[in-house]
Amino acid sequence: MTDETVETLDALGLRCPLPVLKARKRLKGMAPGALLRIEADDPAALVDVPHFCAEQGHDLVEQTRDGEALVFLVRK
């Protein structure tokens, strides 16, 4: 990874649709090309976040798991 600044959205403990709604709000205020790391533990996020990215034109750079947390790296 590069030296780019990555903002983090802690959506742990939030259930559908809150992780995506909070991601939408955060990305709206970010510059084009900026990166957002979303941490969520709602199993629905596995479907919701990639779908949100595809629908809104964001790039899902990476999707991983860190223990119980699902981690998504999204480029605006």
C-alpha atoms as a PDB file:
ATOM      1  CA  MET A   1       0.000   0.000   0.000  1.00  0.00           C
ATOM      2  CA  THR A   2       1.101   3.578  -0.562  1.00  0.00           C
ATOM      3  CA  ASP A   3       1.492   6.393   1.977  1.00  0.00           C
ATOM      4  CA  GLU A   4      -2.060   7.558   1.291  1.00  0.00           C
ATOM      5  CA  THR A   5      -4.145   8.646   4.248  1.00  0.00           C
ATOM      6  CA  VAL A   6      -6.942   6.222   4.964  1.00  0.00           C
ATOM      7  CA  GLU A   7      -9.967   7.311   7.009  1.00  0.00           C
ATOM      8  CA  THR A   8     -11.591   4.632   9.158  1.00  0.00           C
ATOM      9  CA  LEU A   9     -15.289   4.112   9.760  1.00  0.00           C
ATOM     10  CA  ASP A  10     -16.032   1.964  12.817  1.00  0.00           C
ATOM     11  CA  ALA A  11     -19.366   0.306  12.076  1.00  0.00           C
ATOM     12  CA  LEU A  12     -18.852  -2.544  14.543  1.00  0.00           C
ATOM     13  CA  GLY A  13     -22.058  -3.425  16.340  1.00  0.00           C
ATOM     14  CA  LEU A  14     -24.234  -1.695  13.741  1.00  0.00           C
ATOM     15  CA  ARG A  15     -26.801  -3.671  11.780  1.00  0.00           C
ATOM     16  CA  CYS A  16     -28.036  -3.299   8.211  1.00  0.00           C
ATOM     17  CA  PRO A  17     -28.458  -0.722   6.763  1.00  0.00           C
ATOM     18  CA  LEU A  18     -26.442   1.486   9.166  1.00  0.00           C
ATOM     19  CA  PRO A  19     -22.897   0.530   8.010  1.00  0.00           C
ATOM     20  CA  VAL A  20     -23.740   1.496   4.410  1.00  0.00           C
ATOM     21  CA  LEU A  21     -25.627   4.651   5.424  1.00  0.00           C
ATOM     22  CA  LYS A  22     -22.700   5.817   7.560  1.00  0.00           C
ATOM     23  CA  ALA A  23     -20.255   4.973   4.755  1.00  0.00           C
ATOM     24  CA  ARG A  24     -22.329   6.992   2.276  1.00  0.00           C
ATOM     25  CA  LYS A  25     -22.323  10.006   4.607  1.00  0.00           C
ATOM     26  CA  ARG A  26     -18.563   9.772   5.253  1.00  0.00           C
ATOM     27  CA  LEU A  27     -17.661   9.302   1.574  1.00  0.00           C
ATOM     28  CA  LYS A  28     -19.804  12.290   0.586  1.00  0.00           C
ATOM     29  CA  GLY A  29     -17.423  14.588   2.472  1.00  0.00           C
ATOM     30  CA  MET A  30     -14.234  12.993   1.141  1.00  0.00           C
ATOM     31  CA  ALA A  31     -12.194  14.027  -1.879  1.00  0.00           C
ATOM     32  CA  PRO A  32     -12.339  11.931  -5.070  1.00  0.00           C
ATOM     33  CA  GLY A  33      -9.717   9.181  -4.895  1.00  0.00           C
ATOM     34  CA  ALA A  34      -9.654   9.166  -1.086  1.00  0.00           C
ATOM     35  CA  LEU A  35      -9.711   5.856   0.791  1.00  0.00           C
ATOM     36  CA  LEU A  36     -12.175   4.760   3.471  1.00  0.00           C
ATOM     37  CA  ARG A  37     -11.613   1.662   5.623  1.00  0.00           C
ATOM     38  CA  ILE A  38     -14.932   0.296   6.846  1.00  0.00           C
ATOM     39  CA  GLU A  39     -14.957  -2.121   9.785  1.00  0.00           C
ATOM     40  CA  ALA A  40     -18.244  -3.976  10.297  1.00  0.00           C
ATOM     41  CA  ASP A  41     -19.389  -7.172  11.964  1.00  0.00           C
ATOM     42  CA  ASP A  42     -22.867  -7.467  10.455  1.00  0.00           C
ATOM     43  CA  PRO A  43     -22.835 -10.495   8.105  1.00  0.00           C
ATOM     44  CA  ALA A  44     -25.106  -8.563   5.711  1.00  0.00           C
ATOM     45  CA  ALA A  45     -22.181  -6.185   5.055  1.00  0.00           C
ATOM     46  CA  LEU A  46     -20.621  -8.910   2.887  1.00  0.00           C
ATOM     47  CA  VAL A  47     -23.378  -8.224   0.363  1.00  0.00           C
ATOM     48  CA  ASP A  48     -24.326  -4.641   1.218  1.00  0.00           C
ATOM     49  CA  VAL A  49     -20.932  -2.931   0.957  1.00  0.00           C
ATOM     50  CA  PRO A  50     -19.910  -4.376  -2.446  1.00  0.00           C
ATOM     51  CA  HIS A  51     -23.409  -3.634  -3.789  1.00  0.00           C
ATOM     52  CA  PHE A  52     -23.258  -0.078  -2.431  1.00  0.00           C
ATOM     53  CA  CYS A  53     -19.862   0.472  -4.097  1.00  0.00           C
ATOM     54  CA  ALA A  54     -21.098  -0.841  -7.437  1.00  0.00           C
ATOM     55  CA  GLU A  55     -24.258   1.276  -7.326  1.00  0.00           C
ATOM     56  CA  GLN A  56     -22.509   4.488  -6.235  1.00  0.00           C
ATOM     57  CA  GLY A  57     -19.426   4.188  -8.467  1.00  0.00           C
ATOM     58  CA  HIS A  58     -16.894   3.624  -5.682  1.00  0.00           C
ATOM     59  CA  ASP A  59     -14.030   1.149  -6.060  1.00  0.00           C
ATOM     60  CA  LEU A  60     -13.954  -1.755  -3.587  1.00  0.00           C
ATOM     61  CA  VAL A  61     -10.178  -2.064  -3.360  1.00  0.00           C
ATOM     62  CA  GLU A  62     -10.038  -4.830  -0.775  1.00  0.00           C
ATOM     63  CA  GLN A  63     -12.312  -7.010   1.326  1.00  0.00           C
ATOM     64  CA  THR A  64     -10.772  -8.949   4.226  1.00  0.00           C
ATOM     65  CA  ARG A  65     -11.549 -10.297   7.671  1.00  0.00           C
ATOM     66  CA  ASP A  66      -9.799  -9.264  10.892  1.00  0.00           C
ATOM     67  CA  GLY A  67     -11.017 -11.672  13.558  1.00  0.00           C
ATOM     68  CA  GLU A  68     -14.783 -11.162  13.770  1.00  0.00           C
ATOM     69  CA  ALA A  69     -14.630  -7.893  11.832  1.00  0.00           C
ATOM     70  CA  LEU A  70     -15.194  -7.566   8.101  1.00  0.00           C
ATOM     71  CA  VAL A  71     -12.885  -4.945   6.655  1.00  0.00           C
ATOM     72  CA  PHE A  72     -13.565  -3.121   3.394  1.00  0.00           C
ATOM     73  CA  LEU A  73     -11.220  -0.650   1.730  1.00  0.00           C
ATOM     74  CA  VAL A  74     -13.190   1.681  -0.528  1.00  0.00           C
ATOM     75  CA  ARG A  75     -11.835   4.337  -2.898  1.00  0.00           C
ATOM     76  CA  LYS A  76     -14.199   7.209  -3.604  1.00  0.00           C
END
